[in-house]
Amino acid sequence: MKTRREQIVELLSKNEKMTLQELADFTKTSVKTIAMDLDSVRKTIKYDNKRIEVNPASCVACGYVFLGRGRISDPHKCPECHSERINAQKFRIVSI
């Protein structure tokens, strides 16, 4: 049986872009745990010449894109219009 982090690497390596919530649902754990696991996975996969590619979150109301955000967790509110309707960021693993 694979560990949760191994499952995450396998899922994201299949060129499927997944949100934190989708990963949490698949592994039956919390979003917070997945965010911590992704941070660890990011450090581990760099030795295999891979990296986590992030499609940034965006605001549904005004279209603001959260570029250059270093955090793995999803934003809660748009800094432009203060809407809480945010499209979650998506992750996948790609070779360098």
PDB file of N, CA and C in Angstrom:
ATOM      1  N   MET A   1       0.838  -1.181   0.000  1.00  0.00           N
ATOM      2  CA  MET A   1       0.000   0.000   0.000  1.00  0.00           C
ATOM      3  C   MET A   1       0.887   1.250   0.000  1.00  0.00           C
ATOM      4  N   LYS A   2       0.535   2.201  -0.820  1.00  0.00           N
ATOM      5  CA  LYS A   2       1.332   3.416  -0.957  1.00  0.00           C
ATOM      6  C   LYS A   2       0.975   4.421   0.131  1.00  0.00           C
ATOM      7  N   THR A   3       1.965   5.220   0.485  1.00  0.00           N
ATOM      8  CA  THR A   3       1.709   6.285   1.450  1.00  0.00           C
ATOM      9  C   THR A   3       0.886   7.384   0.782  1.00  0.00           C
ATOM     10  N   ARG A   4       0.349   8.258   1.597  1.00  0.00           N
ATOM     11  CA  ARG A   4      -0.465   9.361   1.071  1.00  0.00           C
ATOM     12  C   ARG A   4       0.364  10.235   0.132  1.00  0.00           C
ATOM     13  N   ARG A   5       1.588  10.521   0.491  1.00  0.00           N
ATOM     14  CA  ARG A   5       2.445  11.365  -0.356  1.00  0.00           C
ATOM     15  C   ARG A   5       2.776  10.667  -1.666  1.00  0.00           C
ATOM     16  N   GLU A   6       2.990   9.365  -1.630  1.00  0.00           N
ATOM     17  CA  GLU A   6       3.229   8.618  -2.871  1.00  0.00           C
ATOM     18  C   GLU A   6       1.995   8.651  -3.766  1.00  0.00           C
ATOM     19  N   GLN A   7       0.815   8.568  -3.163  1.00  0.00           N
ATOM     20  CA  GLN A   7      -0.426   8.664  -3.934  1.00  0.00           C
ATOM     21  C   GLN A   7      -0.547  10.034  -4.590  1.00  0.00           C
ATOM     22  N   ILE A   8      -0.184  11.086  -3.856  1.00  0.00           N
ATOM     23  CA  ILE A   8      -0.246  12.448  -4.393  1.00  0.00           C
ATOM     24  C   ILE A   8       0.692  12.587  -5.587  1.00  0.00           C
ATOM     25  N   VAL A   9       1.917  12.091  -5.447  1.00  0.00           N
ATOM     26  CA  VAL A   9       2.889  12.169  -6.542  1.00  0.00           C
ATOM     27  C   VAL A   9       2.371  11.409  -7.756  1.00  0.00           C
ATOM     28  N   GLU A  10       1.814  10.237  -7.543  1.00  0.00           N
ATOM     29  CA  GLU A  10       1.290   9.438  -8.653  1.00  0.00           C
ATOM     30  C   GLU A  10       0.138  10.156  -9.359  1.00  0.00           C
ATOM     31  N   LEU A  11      -0.783  10.710  -8.592  1.00  0.00           N
ATOM     32  CA  LEU A  11      -1.925  11.419  -9.180  1.00  0.00           C
ATOM     33  C   LEU A  11      -1.487  12.634  -9.988  1.00  0.00           C
ATOM     34  N   LEU A  12      -0.606  13.431  -9.417  1.00  0.00           N
ATOM     35  CA  LEU A  12      -0.200  14.670 -10.069  1.00  0.00           C
ATOM     36  C   LEU A  12       0.780  14.438 -11.213  1.00  0.00           C
ATOM     37  N   SER A  13       1.412  13.275 -11.260  1.00  0.00           N
ATOM     38  CA  SER A  13       2.345  12.962 -12.347  1.00  0.00           C
ATOM     39  C   SER A  13       1.629  12.498 -13.610  1.00  0.00           C
ATOM     40  N   LYS A  14       0.360  12.173 -13.506  1.00  0.00           N
ATOM     41  CA  LYS A  14      -0.403  11.690 -14.658  1.00  0.00           C
ATOM     42  C   LYS A  14      -0.899  12.832 -15.534  1.00  0.00           C
ATOM     43  N   ASN A  15      -0.304  13.996 -15.402  1.00  0.00           N
ATOM     44  CA  ASN A  15      -0.702  15.195 -16.151  1.00  0.00           C
ATOM     45  C   ASN A  15      -2.126  15.631 -15.847  1.00  0.00           C
ATOM     46  N   GLU A  16      -2.649  15.208 -14.716  1.00  0.00           N
ATOM     47  CA  GLU A  16      -3.955  15.681 -14.274  1.00  0.00           C
ATOM     48  C   GLU A  16      -3.733  16.863 -13.345  1.00  0.00           C
ATOM     49  N   LYS A  17      -4.411  17.949 -13.616  1.00  0.00           N
ATOM     50  CA  LYS A  17      -4.335  19.093 -12.721  1.00  0.00           C
ATOM     51  C   LYS A  17      -5.413  18.915 -11.666  1.00  0.00           C
ATOM     52  N   MET A  18      -5.021  18.996 -10.409  1.00  0.00           N
ATOM     53  CA  MET A  18      -5.969  18.770  -9.326  1.00  0.00           C
ATOM     54  C   MET A  18      -5.876  19.873  -8.281  1.00  0.00           C
ATOM     55  N   THR A  19      -7.012  20.178  -7.679  1.00  0.00           N
ATOM     56  CA  THR A  19      -7.056  21.161  -6.598  1.00  0.00           C
ATOM     57  C   THR A  19      -6.734  20.466  -5.278  1.00  0.00           C
ATOM     58  N   LEU A  20      -6.493  21.273  -4.249  1.00  0.00           N
ATOM     59  CA  LEU A  20      -6.259  20.713  -2.921  1.00  0.00           C
ATOM     60  C   LEU A  20      -7.466  19.897  -2.465  1.00  0.00           C
ATOM     61  N   GLN A  21      -8.662  20.403  -2.731  1.00  0.00           N
ATOM     62  CA  GLN A  21      -9.880  19.706  -2.307  1.00  0.00           C
ATOM     63  C   GLN A  21     -10.033  18.367  -3.019  1.00  0.00           C
ATOM     64  N   GLU A  22      -9.720  18.318  -4.308  1.00  0.00           N
ATOM     65  CA  GLU A  22      -9.801  17.054  -5.048  1.00  0.00           C
ATOM     66  C   GLU A  22      -8.809  16.036  -4.493  1.00  0.00           C
ATOM     67  N   LEU A  23      -7.600  16.488  -4.176  1.00  0.00           N
ATOM     68  CA  LEU A  23      -6.602  15.600  -3.581  1.00  0.00           C
ATOM     69  C   LEU A  23      -7.054  15.123  -2.204  1.00  0.00           C
ATOM     70  N   ALA A  24      -7.624  16.029  -1.423  1.00  0.00           N
ATOM     71  CA  ALA A  24      -8.110  15.673  -0.085  1.00  0.00           C
ATOM     72  C   ALA A  24      -9.239  14.651  -0.172  1.00  0.00           C
ATOM     73  N   ASP A  25     -10.143  14.837  -1.118  1.00  0.00           N
ATOM     74  CA  ASP A  25     -11.244  13.888  -1.298  1.00  0.00           C
ATOM     75  C   ASP A  25     -10.720  12.511  -1.706  1.00  0.00           C
ATOM     76  N   PHE A  26      -9.744  12.490  -2.602  1.00  0.00           N
ATOM     77  CA  PHE A  26      -9.203  11.219  -3.080  1.00  0.00           C
ATOM     78  C   PHE A  26      -8.478  10.468  -1.965  1.00  0.00           C
ATOM     79  N   THR A  27      -7.701  11.180  -1.163  1.00  0.00           N
ATOM     80  CA  THR A  27      -6.913  10.539  -0.105  1.00  0.00           C
ATOM     81  C   THR A  27      -7.663  10.450   1.217  1.00  0.00           C
ATOM     82  N   LYS A  28      -8.879  10.992   1.256  1.00  0.00           N
ATOM     83  CA  LYS A  28      -9.721  10.963   2.459  1.00  0.00           C
ATOM     84  C   LYS A  28      -9.026  11.610   3.655  1.00  0.00           C
ATOM     85  N   THR A  29      -8.509  12.790   3.426  1.00  0.00           N
ATOM     86  CA  THR A  29      -7.862  13.551   4.495  1.00  0.00           C
ATOM     87  C   THR A  29      -8.224  15.018   4.345  1.00  0.00           C
ATOM     88  N   SER A  30      -7.715  15.862   5.218  1.00  0.00           N
ATOM     89  CA  SER A  30      -8.079  17.283   5.193  1.00  0.00           C
ATOM     90  C   SER A  30      -7.243  18.063   4.177  1.00  0.00           C
ATOM     91  N   VAL A  31      -7.773  19.196   3.766  1.00  0.00           N
ATOM     92  CA  VAL A  31      -7.069  20.083   2.835  1.00  0.00           C
ATOM     93  C   VAL A  31      -5.780  20.586   3.476  1.00  0.00           C
ATOM     94  N   LYS A  32      -5.820  20.878   4.759  1.00  0.00           N
ATOM     95  CA  LYS A  32      -4.640  21.371   5.476  1.00  0.00           C
ATOM     96  C   LYS A  32      -3.512  20.332   5.446  1.00  0.00           C
ATOM     97  N   THR A  33      -3.865  19.074   5.634  1.00  0.00           N
ATOM     98  CA  THR A  33      -2.875  17.996   5.588  1.00  0.00           C
ATOM     99  C   THR A  33      -2.287  17.871   4.188  1.00  0.00           C
ATOM    100  N   ILE A  34      -3.129  17.967   3.175  1.00  0.00           N
ATOM    101  CA  ILE A  34      -2.661  17.885   1.786  1.00  0.00           C
ATOM    102  C   ILE A  34      -1.710  19.034   1.480  1.00  0.00           C
ATOM    103  N   ALA A  35      -2.014  20.230   1.970  1.00  0.00           N
ATOM    104  CA  ALA A  35      -1.138  21.386   1.742  1.00  0.00           C
ATOM    105  C   ALA A  35       0.239  21.136   2.352  1.00  0.00           C
ATOM    106  N   MET A  36       0.277  20.571   3.550  1.00  0.00           N
ATOM    107  CA  MET A  36       1.565  20.253   4.185  1.00  0.00           C
ATOM    108  C   MET A  36       2.292  19.160   3.408  1.00  0.00           C
ATOM    109  N   ASP A  37       1.532  18.156   2.944  1.00  0.00           N
ATOM    110  CA  ASP A  37       2.135  17.077   2.157  1.00  0.00           C
ATOM    111  C   ASP A  37       2.712  17.605   0.844  1.00  0.00           C
ATOM    112  N   LEU A  38       2.001  18.501   0.179  1.00  0.00           N
ATOM    113  CA  LEU A  38       2.488  19.066  -1.086  1.00  0.00           C
ATOM    114  C   LEU A  38       3.786  19.836  -0.885  1.00  0.00           C
ATOM    115  N   ASP A  39       3.902  20.512   0.243  1.00  0.00           N
ATOM    116  CA  ASP A  39       5.137  21.235   0.539  1.00  0.00           C
ATOM    117  C   ASP A  39       6.299  20.251   0.659  1.00  0.00           C
ATOM    118  N   SER A  40       6.066  19.128   1.304  1.00  0.00           N
ATOM    119  CA  SER A  40       7.091  18.097   1.437  1.00  0.00           C
ATOM    120  C   SER A  40       7.389  17.441   0.090  1.00  0.00           C
ATOM    121  N   VAL A  41       6.347  17.162  -0.682  1.00  0.00           N
ATOM    122  CA  VAL A  41       6.513  16.550  -2.004  1.00  0.00           C
ATOM    123  C   VAL A  41       7.330  17.466  -2.904  1.00  0.00           C
ATOM    124  N   ARG A  42       7.088  18.756  -2.818  1.00  0.00           N
ATOM    125  CA  ARG A  42       7.829  19.739  -3.626  1.00  0.00           C
ATOM    126  C   ARG A  42       9.333  19.614  -3.379  1.00  0.00           C
ATOM    127  N   LYS A  43       9.710  19.443  -2.124  1.00  0.00           N
ATOM    128  CA  LYS A  43      11.133  19.319  -1.783  1.00  0.00           C
ATOM    129  C   LYS A  43      11.703  17.981  -2.238  1.00  0.00           C
ATOM    130  N   THR A  44      10.906  16.937  -2.153  1.00  0.00           N
ATOM    131  CA  THR A  44      11.365  15.592  -2.493  1.00  0.00           C
ATOM    132  C   THR A  44      11.549  15.396  -3.991  1.00  0.00           C
ATOM    133  N   ILE A  45      10.615  15.868  -4.798  1.00  0.00           N
ATOM    134  CA  ILE A  45      10.658  15.581  -6.240  1.00  0.00           C
ATOM    135  C   ILE A  45      11.722  16.374  -6.984  1.00  0.00           C
ATOM    136  N   LYS A  46      12.256  17.417  -6.356  1.00  0.00           N
ATOM    137  CA  LYS A  46      13.284  18.188  -7.060  1.00  0.00           C
ATOM    138  C   LYS A  46      14.532  17.345  -7.312  1.00  0.00           C
ATOM    139  N   TYR A  47      14.740  16.296  -6.512  1.00  0.00           N
ATOM    140  CA  TYR A  47      15.884  15.410  -6.720  1.00  0.00           C
ATOM    141  C   TYR A  47      15.668  14.475  -7.906  1.00  0.00           C
ATOM    142  N   ASP A  48      14.435  14.353  -8.361  1.00  0.00           N
ATOM    143  CA  ASP A  48      14.105  13.563  -9.552  1.00  0.00           C
ATOM    144  C   ASP A  48      13.940  14.450 -10.781  1.00  0.00           C
ATOM    145  N   ASN A  49      14.440  15.694 -10.697  1.00  0.00           N
ATOM    146  CA  ASN A  49      14.314  16.682 -11.775  1.00  0.00           C
ATOM    147  C   ASN A  49      12.859  16.923 -12.161  1.00  0.00           C
ATOM    148  N   LYS A  50      12.028  17.059 -11.152  1.00  0.00           N
ATOM    149  CA  LYS A  50      10.620  17.376 -11.354  1.00  0.00           C
ATOM    150  C   LYS A  50      10.263  18.565 -10.481  1.00  0.00           C
ATOM    151  N   ARG A  51       9.133  19.168 -10.803  1.00  0.00           N
ATOM    152  CA  ARG A  51       8.650  20.281  -9.990  1.00  0.00           C
ATOM    153  C   ARG A  51       7.133  20.295 -10.021  1.00  0.00           C
ATOM    154  N   ILE A  52       6.547  21.019  -9.085  1.00  0.00           N
ATOM    155  CA  ILE A  52       5.099  21.171  -9.067  1.00  0.00           C
ATOM    156  C   ILE A  52       4.745  22.414  -9.861  1.00  0.00           C
ATOM    157  N   GLU A  53       3.936  22.227 -10.885  1.00  0.00           N
ATOM    158  CA  GLU A  53       3.438  23.345 -11.688  1.00  0.00           C
ATOM    159  C   GLU A  53       2.100  23.778 -11.087  1.00  0.00           C
ATOM    160  N   VAL A  54       1.944  25.079 -10.893  1.00  0.00           N
ATOM    161  CA  VAL A  54       0.738  25.600 -10.260  1.00  0.00           C
ATOM    162  C   VAL A  54      -0.025  26.482 -11.238  1.00  0.00           C
ATOM    163  N   ASN A  55      -1.279  26.146 -11.477  1.00  0.00           N
ATOM    164  CA  ASN A  55      -2.182  27.052 -12.192  1.00  0.00           C
ATOM    165  C   ASN A  55      -2.782  27.945 -11.123  1.00  0.00           C
ATOM    166  N   PRO A  56      -2.535  29.248 -11.189  1.00  0.00           N
ATOM    167  CA  PRO A  56      -2.920  30.129 -10.083  1.00  0.00           C
ATOM    168  C   PRO A  56      -4.427  30.230  -9.882  1.00  0.00           C
ATOM    169  N   ALA A  57      -4.786  30.554  -8.654  1.00  0.00           N
ATOM    170  CA  ALA A  57      -6.189  30.803  -8.317  1.00  0.00           C
ATOM    171  C   ALA A  57      -6.628  32.098  -8.983  1.00  0.00           C
ATOM    172  N   SER A  58      -7.938  32.229  -9.186  1.00  0.00           N
ATOM    173  CA  SER A  58      -8.461  33.457  -9.788  1.00  0.00           C
ATOM    174  C   SER A  58      -9.811  33.797  -9.173  1.00  0.00           C
ATOM    175  N   CYS A  59     -10.143  35.077  -9.232  1.00  0.00           N
ATOM    176  CA  CYS A  59     -11.408  35.567  -8.695  1.00  0.00           C
ATOM    177  C   CYS A  59     -12.503  35.362  -9.742  1.00  0.00           C
ATOM    178  N   VAL A  60     -13.612  34.801  -9.333  1.00  0.00           N
ATOM    179  CA  VAL A  60     -14.738  34.583 -10.240  1.00  0.00           C
ATOM    180  C   VAL A  60     -15.403  35.912 -10.583  1.00  0.00           C
ATOM    181  N   ALA A  61     -15.460  36.813  -9.622  1.00  0.00           N
ATOM    182  CA  ALA A  61     -16.184  38.075  -9.800  1.00  0.00           C
ATOM    183  C   ALA A  61     -15.475  39.051 -10.737  1.00  0.00           C
ATOM    184  N   CYS A  62     -14.174  39.289 -10.510  1.00  0.00           N
ATOM    185  CA  CYS A  62     -13.488  40.322 -11.297  1.00  0.00           C
ATOM    186  C   CYS A  62     -12.391  39.781 -12.211  1.00  0.00           C
ATOM    187  N   GLY A  63     -12.037  38.494 -12.075  1.00  0.00           N
ATOM    188  CA  GLY A  63     -11.025  37.906 -12.938  1.00  0.00           C
ATOM    189  C   GLY A  63      -9.597  38.079 -12.461  1.00  0.00           C
ATOM    190  N   TYR A  64      -9.393  38.655 -11.278  1.00  0.00           N
ATOM    191  CA  TYR A  64      -8.045  38.839 -10.734  1.00  0.00           C
ATOM    192  C   TYR A  64      -7.349  37.483 -10.629  1.00  0.00           C
ATOM    193  N   VAL A  65      -6.084  37.414 -11.058  1.00  0.00           N
ATOM    194  CA  VAL A  65      -5.306  36.181 -11.006  1.00  0.00           C
ATOM    195  C   VAL A  65      -4.229  36.332  -9.939  1.00  0.00           C
ATOM    196  N   PHE A  66      -4.148  35.365  -9.058  1.00  0.00           N
ATOM    197  CA  PHE A  66      -3.203  35.379  -7.943  1.00  0.00           C
ATOM    198  C   PHE A  66      -1.839  34.857  -8.408  1.00  0.00           C
ATOM    199  N   LEU A  67      -1.099  35.660  -9.173  1.00  0.00           N
ATOM    200  CA  LEU A  67       0.210  35.265  -9.699  1.00  0.00           C
ATOM    201  C   LEU A  67       1.300  35.462  -8.652  1.00  0.00           C
ATOM    202  N   GLY A  68       2.331  34.637  -8.726  1.00  0.00           N
ATOM    203  CA  GLY A  68       3.499  34.803  -7.873  1.00  0.00           C
ATOM    204  C   GLY A  68       3.237  34.537  -6.406  1.00  0.00           C
ATOM    205  N   ARG A  69       2.198  33.814  -6.120  1.00  0.00           N
ATOM    206  CA  ARG A  69       1.854  33.510  -4.737  1.00  0.00           C
ATOM    207  C   ARG A  69       2.665  32.294  -4.314  1.00  0.00           C
ATOM    208  N   GLY A  70       3.462  32.415  -3.278  1.00  0.00           N
ATOM    209  CA  GLY A  70       4.330  31.326  -2.854  1.00  0.00           C
ATOM    210  C   GLY A  70       3.650  30.275  -1.997  1.00  0.00           C
ATOM    211  N   ARG A  71       2.457  30.549  -1.554  1.00  0.00           N
ATOM    212  CA  ARG A  71       1.772  29.633  -0.653  1.00  0.00           C
ATOM    213  C   ARG A  71       1.045  28.527  -1.414  1.00  0.00           C
ATOM    214  N   ILE A  72       0.942  27.379  -0.769  1.00  0.00           N
ATOM    215  CA  ILE A  72       0.214  26.272  -1.366  1.00  0.00           C
ATOM    216  C   ILE A  72      -1.274  26.381  -1.051  1.00  0.00           C
ATOM    217  N   SER A  73      -1.612  26.931   0.099  1.00  0.00           N
ATOM    218  CA  SER A  73      -3.028  27.043   0.475  1.00  0.00           C
ATOM    219  C   SER A  73      -3.759  28.012  -0.453  1.00  0.00           C
ATOM    220  N   ASP A  74      -5.062  27.798  -0.585  1.00  0.00           N
ATOM    221  CA  ASP A  74      -5.876  28.649  -1.453  1.00  0.00           C
ATOM    222  C   ASP A  74      -6.166  29.992  -0.787  1.00  0.00           C
ATOM    223  N   PRO A  75      -6.227  31.071  -1.572  1.00  0.00           N
ATOM    224  CA  PRO A  75      -6.590  32.379  -1.012  1.00  0.00           C
ATOM    225  C   PRO A  75      -8.065  32.387  -0.602  1.00  0.00           C
ATOM    226  N   HIS A  76      -8.405  33.241   0.342  1.00  0.00           N
ATOM    227  CA  HIS A  76      -9.776  33.297   0.844  1.00  0.00           C
ATOM    228  C   HIS A  76     -10.573  34.456   0.276  1.00  0.00           C
ATOM    229  N   LYS A  77      -9.872  35.528  -0.106  1.00  0.00           N
ATOM    230  CA  LYS A  77     -10.578  36.731  -0.545  1.00  0.00           C
ATOM    231  C   LYS A  77      -9.761  37.442  -1.611  1.00  0.00           C
ATOM    232  N   CYS A  78     -10.441  38.016  -2.594  1.00  0.00           N
ATOM    233  CA  CYS A  78      -9.785  38.761  -3.664  1.00  0.00           C
ATOM    234  C   CYS A  78      -9.305  40.112  -3.127  1.00  0.00           C
ATOM    235  N   PRO A  79      -8.047  40.483  -3.384  1.00  0.00           N
ATOM    236  CA  PRO A  79      -7.557  41.781  -2.915  1.00  0.00           C
ATOM    237  C   PRO A  79      -8.119  42.961  -3.705  1.00  0.00           C
ATOM    238  N   GLU A  80      -8.647  42.698  -4.893  1.00  0.00           N
ATOM    239  CA  GLU A  80      -9.195  43.767  -5.736  1.00  0.00           C
ATOM    240  C   GLU A  80     -10.641  44.099  -5.372  1.00  0.00           C
ATOM    241  N   CYS A  81     -11.514  43.090  -5.417  1.00  0.00           N
ATOM    242  CA  CYS A  81     -12.951  43.347  -5.220  1.00  0.00           C
ATOM    243  C   CYS A  81     -13.485  42.781  -3.902  1.00  0.00           C
ATOM    244  N   HIS A  82     -12.638  42.084  -3.156  1.00  0.00           N
ATOM    245  CA  HIS A  82     -12.970  41.501  -1.849  1.00  0.00           C
ATOM    246  C   HIS A  82     -14.011  40.385  -1.921  1.00  0.00           C
ATOM    247  N   SER A  83     -14.228  39.845  -3.100  1.00  0.00           N
ATOM    248  CA  SER A  83     -15.140  38.718  -3.261  1.00  0.00           C
ATOM    249  C   SER A  83     -14.494  37.462  -2.676  1.00  0.00           C
ATOM    250  N   GLU A  84     -15.308  36.564  -2.178  1.00  0.00           N
ATOM    251  CA  GLU A  84     -14.806  35.298  -1.655  1.00  0.00           C
ATOM    252  C   GLU A  84     -15.044  34.148  -2.630  1.00  0.00           C
ATOM    253  N   ARG A  85     -15.514  34.468  -3.825  1.00  0.00           N
ATOM    254  CA  ARG A  85     -15.730  33.460  -4.872  1.00  0.00           C
ATOM    255  C   ARG A  85     -14.429  33.297  -5.659  1.00  0.00           C
ATOM    256  N   ILE A  86     -13.639  32.327  -5.246  1.00  0.00           N
ATOM    257  CA  ILE A  86     -12.303  32.125  -5.805  1.00  0.00           C
ATOM    258  C   ILE A  86     -12.223  30.751  -6.460  1.00  0.00           C
ATOM    259  N   ASN A  87     -11.745  30.709  -7.714  1.00  0.00           N
ATOM    260  CA  ASN A  87     -11.423  29.430  -8.360  1.00  0.00           C
ATOM    261  C   ASN A  87     -10.118  28.939  -7.756  1.00  0.00           C
ATOM    262  N   ALA A  88     -10.120  27.724  -7.255  1.00  0.00           N
ATOM    263  CA  ALA A  88      -8.950  27.177  -6.571  1.00  0.00           C
ATOM    264  C   ALA A  88      -7.788  26.969  -7.534  1.00  0.00           C
ATOM    265  N   GLN A  89      -6.571  27.071  -6.989  1.00  0.00           N
ATOM    266  CA  GLN A  89      -5.392  26.784  -7.799  1.00  0.00           C
ATOM    267  C   GLN A  89      -5.319  25.278  -8.039  1.00  0.00           C
ATOM    268  N   LYS A  90      -4.680  24.911  -9.158  1.00  0.00           N
ATOM    269  CA  LYS A  90      -4.546  23.503  -9.518  1.00  0.00           C
ATOM    270  C   LYS A  90      -3.073  23.161  -9.641  1.00  0.00           C
ATOM    271  N   PHE A  91      -2.758  21.924  -9.303  1.00  0.00           N
ATOM    272  CA  PHE A  91      -1.377  21.468  -9.265  1.00  0.00           C
ATOM    273  C   PHE A  91      -1.186  20.259 -10.169  1.00  0.00           C
ATOM    274  N   ARG A  92       0.044  20.128 -10.689  1.00  0.00           N
ATOM    275  CA  ARG A  92       0.465  18.908 -11.365  1.00  0.00           C
ATOM    276  C   ARG A  92       1.983  18.851 -11.297  1.00  0.00           C
ATOM    277  N   ILE A  93       2.530  17.666 -11.495  1.00  0.00           N
ATOM    278  CA  ILE A  93       3.977  17.471 -11.451  1.00  0.00           C
ATOM    279  C   ILE A  93       4.488  17.335 -12.879  1.00  0.00           C
ATOM    280  N   VAL A  94       5.528  18.111 -13.198  1.00  0.00           N
ATOM    281  CA  VAL A  94       6.129  18.074 -14.532  1.00  0.00           C
ATOM    282  C   VAL A  94       7.641  17.880 -14.405  1.00  0.00           C
ATOM    283  N   SER A  95       8.239  17.336 -15.449  1.00  0.00           N
ATOM    284  CA  SER A  95       9.695  17.189 -15.491  1.00  0.00           C
ATOM    285  C   SER A  95      10.327  18.517 -15.853  1.00  0.00           C
ATOM    286  N   ILE A  96      11.509  18.741 -15.326  1.00  0.00           N
ATOM    287  CA  ILE A  96      12.229  19.993 -15.607  1.00  0.00           C
ATOM    288  C   ILE A  96      12.962  19.854 -16.927  1.00  0.00           C
TER     289      ILE A  96
END
